[in-house]
């Protein structure tokens, strides 16, 4: 049963990491979109 508890904690940590990474990806995509818009204007 202790392994099950540890697995649950690992899953929660992975979910938190994935949420964090999704936020970073979103920021990067936004930056790329902004840069792309600036290049199209030039």
PDB file of N, CA and C in Angstrom:
ATOM      1  N   UNK A   1       0.825  -1.198   0.000  1.00  0.00           N
ATOM      2  CA  UNK A   1       0.000   0.000   0.000  1.00  0.00           C
ATOM      3  C   UNK A   1       0.868   1.260   0.000  1.00  0.00           C
ATOM      4  N   UNK A   2       2.009   1.196   0.605  1.00  0.00           N
ATOM      5  CA  UNK A   2       2.910   2.339   0.613  1.00  0.00           C
ATOM      6  C   UNK A   2       3.344   2.703  -0.801  1.00  0.00           C
ATOM      7  N   UNK A   3       3.560   1.689  -1.655  1.00  0.00           N
ATOM      8  CA  UNK A   3       3.925   1.959  -3.041  1.00  0.00           C
ATOM      9  C   UNK A   3       2.806   2.699  -3.769  1.00  0.00           C
ATOM     10  N   UNK A   4       1.563   2.342  -3.461  1.00  0.00           N
ATOM     11  CA  UNK A   4       0.428   3.011  -4.090  1.00  0.00           C
ATOM     12  C   UNK A   4       0.422   4.495  -3.731  1.00  0.00           C
ATOM     13  N   UNK A   5       0.695   4.799  -2.461  1.00  0.00           N
ATOM     14  CA  UNK A   5       0.733   6.195  -2.020  1.00  0.00           C
ATOM     15  C   UNK A   5       1.851   6.936  -2.741  1.00  0.00           C
ATOM     16  N   UNK A   6       2.998   6.299  -2.861  1.00  0.00           N
ATOM     17  CA  UNK A   6       4.129   6.912  -3.546  1.00  0.00           C
ATOM     18  C   UNK A   6       3.787   7.146  -5.009  1.00  0.00           C
ATOM     19  N   UNK A   7       3.136   6.182  -5.649  1.00  0.00           N
ATOM     20  CA  UNK A   7       2.736   6.342  -7.047  1.00  0.00           C
ATOM     21  C   UNK A   7       1.784   7.524  -7.206  1.00  0.00           C
ATOM     22  N   UNK A   8       0.864   7.684  -6.280  1.00  0.00           N
ATOM     23  CA  UNK A   8      -0.080   8.797  -6.339  1.00  0.00           C
ATOM     24  C   UNK A   8       0.651  10.121  -6.230  1.00  0.00           C
ATOM     25  N   UNK A   9       1.638  10.197  -5.354  1.00  0.00           N
ATOM     26  CA  UNK A   9       2.416  11.418  -5.221  1.00  0.00           C
ATOM     27  C   UNK A   9       3.206  11.686  -6.492  1.00  0.00           C
ATOM     28  N   UNK A  10       3.779  10.658  -7.071  1.00  0.00           N
ATOM     29  CA  UNK A  10       4.523  10.814  -8.320  1.00  0.00           C
ATOM     30  C   UNK A  10       3.608  11.323  -9.426  1.00  0.00           C
ATOM     31  N   UNK A  11       2.405  10.794  -9.501  1.00  0.00           N
ATOM     32  CA  UNK A  11       1.452  11.211 -10.525  1.00  0.00           C
ATOM     33  C   UNK A  11       1.081  12.674 -10.324  1.00  0.00           C
ATOM     34  N   UNK A  12       0.855  13.081  -9.091  1.00  0.00           N
ATOM     35  CA  UNK A  12       0.514  14.481  -8.822  1.00  0.00           C
ATOM     36  C   UNK A  12       1.678  15.397  -9.183  1.00  0.00           C
ATOM     37  N   UNK A  13       2.896  14.959  -8.899  1.00  0.00           N
ATOM     38  CA  UNK A  13       4.070  15.756  -9.258  1.00  0.00           C
ATOM     39  C   UNK A  13       4.203  15.857 -10.775  1.00  0.00           C
ATOM     40  N   UNK A  14       3.947  14.747 -11.466  1.00  0.00           N
ATOM     41  CA  UNK A  14       3.998  14.765 -12.925  1.00  0.00           C
ATOM     42  C   UNK A  14       2.930  15.691 -13.503  1.00  0.00           C
ATOM     43  N   UNK A  15       1.743  15.658 -12.942  1.00  0.00           N
ATOM     44  CA  UNK A  15       0.677  16.547 -13.408  1.00  0.00           C
ATOM     45  C   UNK A  15       1.081  18.009 -13.223  1.00  0.00           C
ATOM     46  N   UNK A  16       1.676  18.326 -12.077  1.00  0.00           N
ATOM     47  CA  UNK A  16       2.105  19.701 -11.817  1.00  0.00           C
ATOM     48  C   UNK A  16       3.198  20.104 -12.802  1.00  0.00           C
ATOM     49  N   UNK A  17       4.122  19.209 -13.060  1.00  0.00           N
ATOM     50  CA  UNK A  17       5.198  19.492 -14.021  1.00  0.00           C
ATOM     51  C   UNK A  17       4.640  19.697 -15.422  1.00  0.00           C
ATOM     52  N   UNK A  18       3.677  18.882 -15.806  1.00  0.00           N
ATOM     53  CA  UNK A  18       3.073  19.010 -17.130  1.00  0.00           C
ATOM     54  C   UNK A  18       2.341  20.339 -17.259  1.00  0.00           C
ATOM     55  N   UNK A  19       1.642  20.753 -16.205  1.00  0.00           N
ATOM     56  CA  UNK A  19       0.935  22.037 -16.230  1.00  0.00           C
ATOM     57  C   UNK A  19       1.939  23.175 -16.392  1.00  0.00           C
ATOM     58  N   UNK A  20       3.038  23.086 -15.660  1.00  0.00           N
ATOM     59  CA  UNK A  20       4.088  24.090 -15.754  1.00  0.00           C
ATOM     60  C   UNK A  20       4.675  24.131 -17.163  1.00  0.00           C
ATOM     61  N   UNK A  21       4.951  22.970 -17.724  1.00  0.00           N
ATOM     62  CA  UNK A  21       5.501  22.899 -19.077  1.00  0.00           C
ATOM     63  C   UNK A  21       4.512  23.427 -20.106  1.00  0.00           C
ATOM     64  N   UNK A  22       3.242  23.116 -19.937  1.00  0.00           N
ATOM     65  CA  UNK A  22       2.224  23.639 -20.853  1.00  0.00           C
ATOM     66  C   UNK A  22       2.198  25.158 -20.825  1.00  0.00           C
ATOM     67  N   UNK A  23       2.360  25.740 -19.636  1.00  0.00           N
ATOM     68  CA  UNK A  23       2.411  27.190 -19.526  1.00  0.00           C
ATOM     69  C   UNK A  23       3.619  27.761 -20.258  1.00  0.00           C
ATOM     70  N   UNK A  24       4.764  27.100 -20.105  1.00  0.00           N
ATOM     71  CA  UNK A  24       5.972  27.558 -20.786  1.00  0.00           C
ATOM     72  C   UNK A  24       5.830  27.431 -22.299  1.00  0.00           C
ATOM     73  N   UNK A  25       5.247  26.335 -22.755  1.00  0.00           N
ATOM     74  CA  UNK A  25       5.019  26.143 -24.193  1.00  0.00           C
ATOM     75  C   UNK A  25       4.106  27.240 -24.722  1.00  0.00           C
ATOM     76  N   UNK A  26       3.051  27.529 -23.985  1.00  0.00           N
ATOM     77  CA  UNK A  26       2.118  28.583 -24.400  1.00  0.00           C
ATOM     78  C   UNK A  26       2.849  29.925 -24.528  1.00  0.00           C
ATOM     79  N   UNK A  27       3.698  30.236 -23.541  1.00  0.00           N
ATOM     80  CA  UNK A  27       4.460  31.488 -23.595  1.00  0.00           C
ATOM     81  C   UNK A  27       5.380  31.512 -24.810  1.00  0.00           C
ATOM     82  N   UNK A  28       6.038  30.395 -25.089  1.00  0.00           N
ATOM     83  CA  UNK A  28       6.948  30.337 -26.239  1.00  0.00           C
ATOM     84  C   UNK A  28       6.187  30.497 -27.551  1.00  0.00           C
ATOM     85  N   UNK A  29       5.043  29.840 -27.663  1.00  0.00           N
ATOM     86  CA  UNK A  29       4.249  29.953 -28.883  1.00  0.00           C
ATOM     87  C   UNK A  29       3.751  31.381 -29.077  1.00  0.00           C
ATOM     88  N   UNK A  30       3.372  32.020 -27.990  1.00  0.00           N
ATOM     89  CA  UNK A  30       2.942  33.412 -28.063  1.00  0.00           C
ATOM     90  C   UNK A  30       4.086  34.293 -28.549  1.00  0.00           C
ATOM     91  N   UNK A  31       5.279  34.064 -28.019  1.00  0.00           N
ATOM     92  CA  UNK A  31       6.455  34.829 -28.437  1.00  0.00           C
ATOM     93  C   UNK A  31       6.742  34.616 -29.917  1.00  0.00           C
ATOM     94  N   UNK A  32       6.658  33.386 -30.368  1.00  0.00           N
ATOM     95  CA  UNK A  32       6.896  33.080 -31.779  1.00  0.00           C
ATOM     96  C   UNK A  32       5.849  33.778 -32.649  1.00  0.00           C
ATOM     97  N   UNK A  33       4.594  33.733 -32.229  1.00  0.00           N
ATOM     98  CA  UNK A  33       3.527  34.398 -32.983  1.00  0.00           C
ATOM     99  C   UNK A  33       3.774  35.898 -33.078  1.00  0.00           C
ATOM    100  N   UNK A  34       4.181  36.514 -31.980  1.00  0.00           N
ATOM    101  CA  UNK A  34       4.453  37.956 -31.975  1.00  0.00           C
ATOM    102  C   UNK A  34       5.613  38.270 -32.914  1.00  0.00           C
ATOM    103  N   UNK A  35       6.672  37.473 -32.831  1.00  0.00           N
ATOM    104  CA  UNK A  35       7.820  37.694 -33.712  1.00  0.00           C
ATOM    105  C   UNK A  35       7.431  37.512 -35.169  1.00  0.00           C
ATOM    106  N   UNK A  36       6.598  36.523 -35.432  1.00  0.00           N
ATOM    107  CA  UNK A  36       6.142  36.269 -36.800  1.00  0.00           C
ATOM    108  C   UNK A  36       5.332  37.450 -37.319  1.00  0.00           C
ATOM    109  N   UNK A  37       4.475  38.011 -36.483  1.00  0.00           N
ATOM    110  CA  UNK A  37       3.665  39.171 -36.876  1.00  0.00           C
ATOM    111  C   UNK A  37       4.558  40.369 -37.184  1.00  0.00           C
ATOM    112  N   UNK A  38       5.595  40.569 -36.374  1.00  0.00           N
ATOM    113  CA  UNK A  38       6.520  41.674 -36.612  1.00  0.00           C
ATOM    114  C   UNK A  38       7.268  41.491 -37.935  1.00  0.00           C
ATOM    115  N   UNK A  39       7.665  40.269 -38.237  1.00  0.00           N
ATOM    116  CA  UNK A  39       8.379  40.004 -39.498  1.00  0.00           C
ATOM    117  C   UNK A  39       7.476  40.256 -40.693  1.00  0.00           C
ATOM    118  N   UNK A  40       6.199  39.912 -40.568  1.00  0.00           N
ATOM    119  CA  UNK A  40       5.253  40.119 -41.676  1.00  0.00           C
ATOM    120  C   UNK A  40       5.011  41.605 -41.923  1.00  0.00           C
ATOM    121  N   UNK A  41       5.128  42.424 -40.873  1.00  0.00           N
ATOM    122  CA  UNK A  41       4.927  43.866 -41.007  1.00  0.00           C
ATOM    123  C   UNK A  41       6.110  44.529 -41.720  1.00  0.00           C
ATOM    124  N   UNK A  42       7.296  43.982 -41.503  1.00  0.00           N
ATOM    125  CA  UNK A  42       8.515  44.584 -42.077  1.00  0.00           C
ATOM    126  C   UNK A  42       8.661  44.365 -43.551  1.00  0.00           C
TER     127      UNK A  42
END
